[in-house]
């Protein structure tokens, strides 16, 4: 049975930021996740990970 909530290491696509493409989850904090996109985009804070709600991403591949 597949789990419903995304976890660290899962490959995801953002529905909130469709221009960002595909990335992977680097951290989880409750209903929020940090996603590092594979295109190497940098946020306005200088960090290379985006803070998103976990229900705003589609899981493409589950980590073990």
N, C-alpha and C. Protein backbone atom coordinates (compact mmCIF):
# COMPACT_ATOMS: atom_id res chain seq x y z
N UNK A 1 0.84 -1.19 0.00
CA UNK A 1 0.00 0.00 0.00
C UNK A 1 0.88 1.24 0.00
N UNK A 2 0.59 2.17 -0.88
CA UNK A 2 1.35 3.41 -0.98
C UNK A 2 0.97 4.36 0.15
N UNK A 3 1.96 5.06 0.68
CA UNK A 3 1.66 6.07 1.69
C UNK A 3 1.13 7.33 1.01
N UNK A 4 0.37 8.11 1.71
CA UNK A 4 -0.25 9.29 1.13
C UNK A 4 0.59 10.55 1.27
N UNK A 5 1.23 10.73 2.41
CA UNK A 5 1.99 11.95 2.66
C UNK A 5 3.40 11.83 2.08
N UNK A 6 3.86 12.88 1.40
CA UNK A 6 5.23 12.84 0.88
C UNK A 6 6.24 12.90 2.02
N UNK A 7 7.38 12.25 1.82
CA UNK A 7 8.45 12.17 2.83
C UNK A 7 9.77 12.64 2.23
N UNK A 8 10.76 12.83 3.08
CA UNK A 8 12.09 13.23 2.64
C UNK A 8 12.64 12.23 1.63
N UNK A 9 13.15 12.75 0.52
CA UNK A 9 13.71 11.91 -0.54
C UNK A 9 12.77 11.64 -1.69
N UNK A 10 11.49 11.90 -1.54
CA UNK A 10 10.53 11.69 -2.63
C UNK A 10 10.78 12.68 -3.76
N UNK A 11 10.60 12.23 -4.99
CA UNK A 11 10.69 13.11 -6.16
C UNK A 11 9.29 13.65 -6.42
N UNK A 12 9.18 14.98 -6.54
CA UNK A 12 7.86 15.61 -6.66
C UNK A 12 7.85 16.65 -7.78
N UNK A 13 6.63 16.98 -8.20
CA UNK A 13 6.39 18.09 -9.14
C UNK A 13 5.45 19.06 -8.43
N UNK A 14 5.80 20.32 -8.45
CA UNK A 14 4.98 21.33 -7.78
C UNK A 14 3.79 21.72 -8.64
N UNK A 15 2.62 21.72 -8.02
CA UNK A 15 1.42 22.21 -8.69
C UNK A 15 1.29 23.72 -8.47
N UNK A 16 1.90 24.23 -7.39
CA UNK A 16 1.85 25.65 -7.07
C UNK A 16 2.85 26.45 -7.91
N UNK A 17 3.99 25.83 -8.26
CA UNK A 17 5.04 26.48 -9.05
C UNK A 17 5.34 25.62 -10.28
N UNK A 18 4.45 25.58 -11.26
CA UNK A 18 4.64 24.69 -12.41
C UNK A 18 5.89 25.00 -13.23
N UNK A 19 6.39 26.23 -13.21
CA UNK A 19 7.58 26.59 -13.97
C UNK A 19 8.85 25.98 -13.37
N UNK A 20 8.80 25.57 -12.11
CA UNK A 20 9.98 25.03 -11.43
C UNK A 20 10.31 23.61 -11.88
N UNK A 21 9.33 22.87 -12.32
CA UNK A 21 9.57 21.51 -12.79
C UNK A 21 9.62 20.49 -11.67
N UNK A 22 10.61 19.60 -11.73
CA UNK A 22 10.71 18.47 -10.82
C UNK A 22 11.80 18.73 -9.78
N UNK A 23 11.54 18.26 -8.56
CA UNK A 23 12.52 18.39 -7.49
C UNK A 23 12.38 17.26 -6.50
N UNK A 24 13.13 17.34 -5.40
CA UNK A 24 13.04 16.32 -4.37
C UNK A 24 12.92 16.97 -3.00
N UNK A 25 12.29 16.28 -2.09
CA UNK A 25 12.03 16.80 -0.76
C UNK A 25 13.27 16.64 0.10
N UNK A 26 13.72 17.75 0.71
CA UNK A 26 14.90 17.71 1.56
C UNK A 26 14.54 17.74 3.05
N UNK A 27 13.33 18.18 3.39
CA UNK A 27 12.91 18.20 4.80
C UNK A 27 11.39 18.31 4.89
N UNK A 28 10.84 17.80 5.98
CA UNK A 28 9.40 17.88 6.25
C UNK A 28 9.19 18.53 7.61
N UNK A 29 8.22 19.44 7.68
CA UNK A 29 7.84 20.11 8.92
C UNK A 29 6.33 20.15 9.00
N UNK A 30 5.72 19.16 9.60
CA UNK A 30 4.27 19.09 9.69
C UNK A 30 3.65 18.95 8.32
N UNK A 31 2.79 19.92 7.94
CA UNK A 31 2.16 19.86 6.62
C UNK A 31 2.98 20.58 5.57
N UNK A 32 4.14 21.10 5.95
CA UNK A 32 5.00 21.82 5.01
C UNK A 32 6.24 21.00 4.69
N UNK A 33 6.78 21.23 3.49
CA UNK A 33 7.99 20.53 3.05
C UNK A 33 8.95 21.53 2.41
N UNK A 34 10.22 21.18 2.43
CA UNK A 34 11.26 21.94 1.71
C UNK A 34 11.60 21.14 0.46
N UNK A 35 11.46 21.77 -0.71
CA UNK A 35 11.72 21.10 -1.99
C UNK A 35 12.89 21.78 -2.68
N UNK A 36 13.88 20.99 -3.09
CA UNK A 36 15.00 21.48 -3.89
C UNK A 36 14.75 21.06 -5.34
N UNK A 37 14.56 22.05 -6.21
CA UNK A 37 14.25 21.75 -7.61
C UNK A 37 15.53 21.47 -8.38
N UNK A 38 15.45 20.57 -9.35
CA UNK A 38 16.61 20.10 -10.08
C UNK A 38 17.20 21.15 -11.02
N UNK A 39 16.46 22.20 -11.33
CA UNK A 39 16.96 23.25 -12.21
C UNK A 39 17.94 24.19 -11.53
N UNK A 40 18.12 24.06 -10.23
CA UNK A 40 19.06 24.90 -9.51
C UNK A 40 18.57 26.31 -9.24
N UNK A 41 17.25 26.50 -9.17
CA UNK A 41 16.70 27.82 -8.90
C UNK A 41 17.02 28.24 -7.47
N UNK A 42 17.20 29.54 -7.26
CA UNK A 42 17.51 30.07 -5.93
C UNK A 42 16.38 30.99 -5.51
N UNK A 43 15.93 30.87 -4.26
CA UNK A 43 14.85 31.71 -3.75
C UNK A 43 15.37 33.10 -3.42
N UNK A 44 14.46 34.01 -3.10
CA UNK A 44 14.85 35.38 -2.75
C UNK A 44 15.68 35.44 -1.46
N UNK A 45 15.61 34.41 -0.62
CA UNK A 45 16.37 34.39 0.63
C UNK A 45 17.77 33.83 0.44
N UNK A 46 18.10 33.42 -0.80
CA UNK A 46 19.42 32.86 -1.06
C UNK A 46 19.50 31.36 -0.86
N UNK A 47 18.42 30.77 -0.39
CA UNK A 47 18.36 29.32 -0.18
C UNK A 47 17.97 28.65 -1.50
N UNK A 48 18.42 27.43 -1.71
CA UNK A 48 18.07 26.74 -2.95
C UNK A 48 16.91 25.76 -2.77
N UNK A 49 16.17 25.86 -1.66
CA UNK A 49 15.00 25.02 -1.42
C UNK A 49 13.78 25.91 -1.21
N UNK A 50 12.63 25.43 -1.67
CA UNK A 50 11.38 26.16 -1.53
C UNK A 50 10.53 25.54 -0.43
N UNK A 51 9.84 26.38 0.34
CA UNK A 51 8.97 25.98 1.43
C UNK A 51 7.55 25.91 0.89
N UNK A 52 6.97 24.70 0.81
CA UNK A 52 5.65 24.49 0.22
C UNK A 52 4.78 23.64 1.12
N UNK A 53 3.48 23.72 0.91
CA UNK A 53 2.56 22.78 1.58
C UNK A 53 2.65 21.44 0.87
N UNK A 54 2.56 20.36 1.64
CA UNK A 54 2.70 19.04 1.04
C UNK A 54 1.54 18.67 0.12
N UNK A 55 0.38 19.32 0.26
CA UNK A 55 -0.74 19.03 -0.63
C UNK A 55 -0.64 19.81 -1.95
N UNK A 56 0.41 20.62 -2.11
CA UNK A 56 0.58 21.36 -3.36
C UNK A 56 1.61 20.71 -4.29
N UNK A 57 1.98 19.46 -3.99
CA UNK A 57 2.92 18.75 -4.85
C UNK A 57 2.34 17.40 -5.25
N UNK A 58 2.80 16.91 -6.40
CA UNK A 58 2.44 15.58 -6.88
C UNK A 58 3.67 14.70 -6.73
N UNK A 59 3.53 13.57 -6.04
CA UNK A 59 4.66 12.67 -5.85
C UNK A 59 4.84 11.83 -7.11
N UNK A 60 6.02 11.93 -7.73
CA UNK A 60 6.33 11.17 -8.94
C UNK A 60 7.00 9.86 -8.61
N UNK A 61 7.83 9.85 -7.55
CA UNK A 61 8.55 8.64 -7.16
C UNK A 61 8.76 8.66 -5.65
N UNK A 62 8.45 7.55 -5.02
CA UNK A 62 8.59 7.43 -3.57
C UNK A 62 10.00 6.94 -3.21
N UNK A 63 10.60 7.54 -2.18
CA UNK A 63 11.90 7.09 -1.67
C UNK A 63 11.68 5.86 -0.80
N UNK A 64 12.72 5.07 -0.65
CA UNK A 64 12.62 3.88 0.21
C UNK A 64 12.70 4.23 1.67
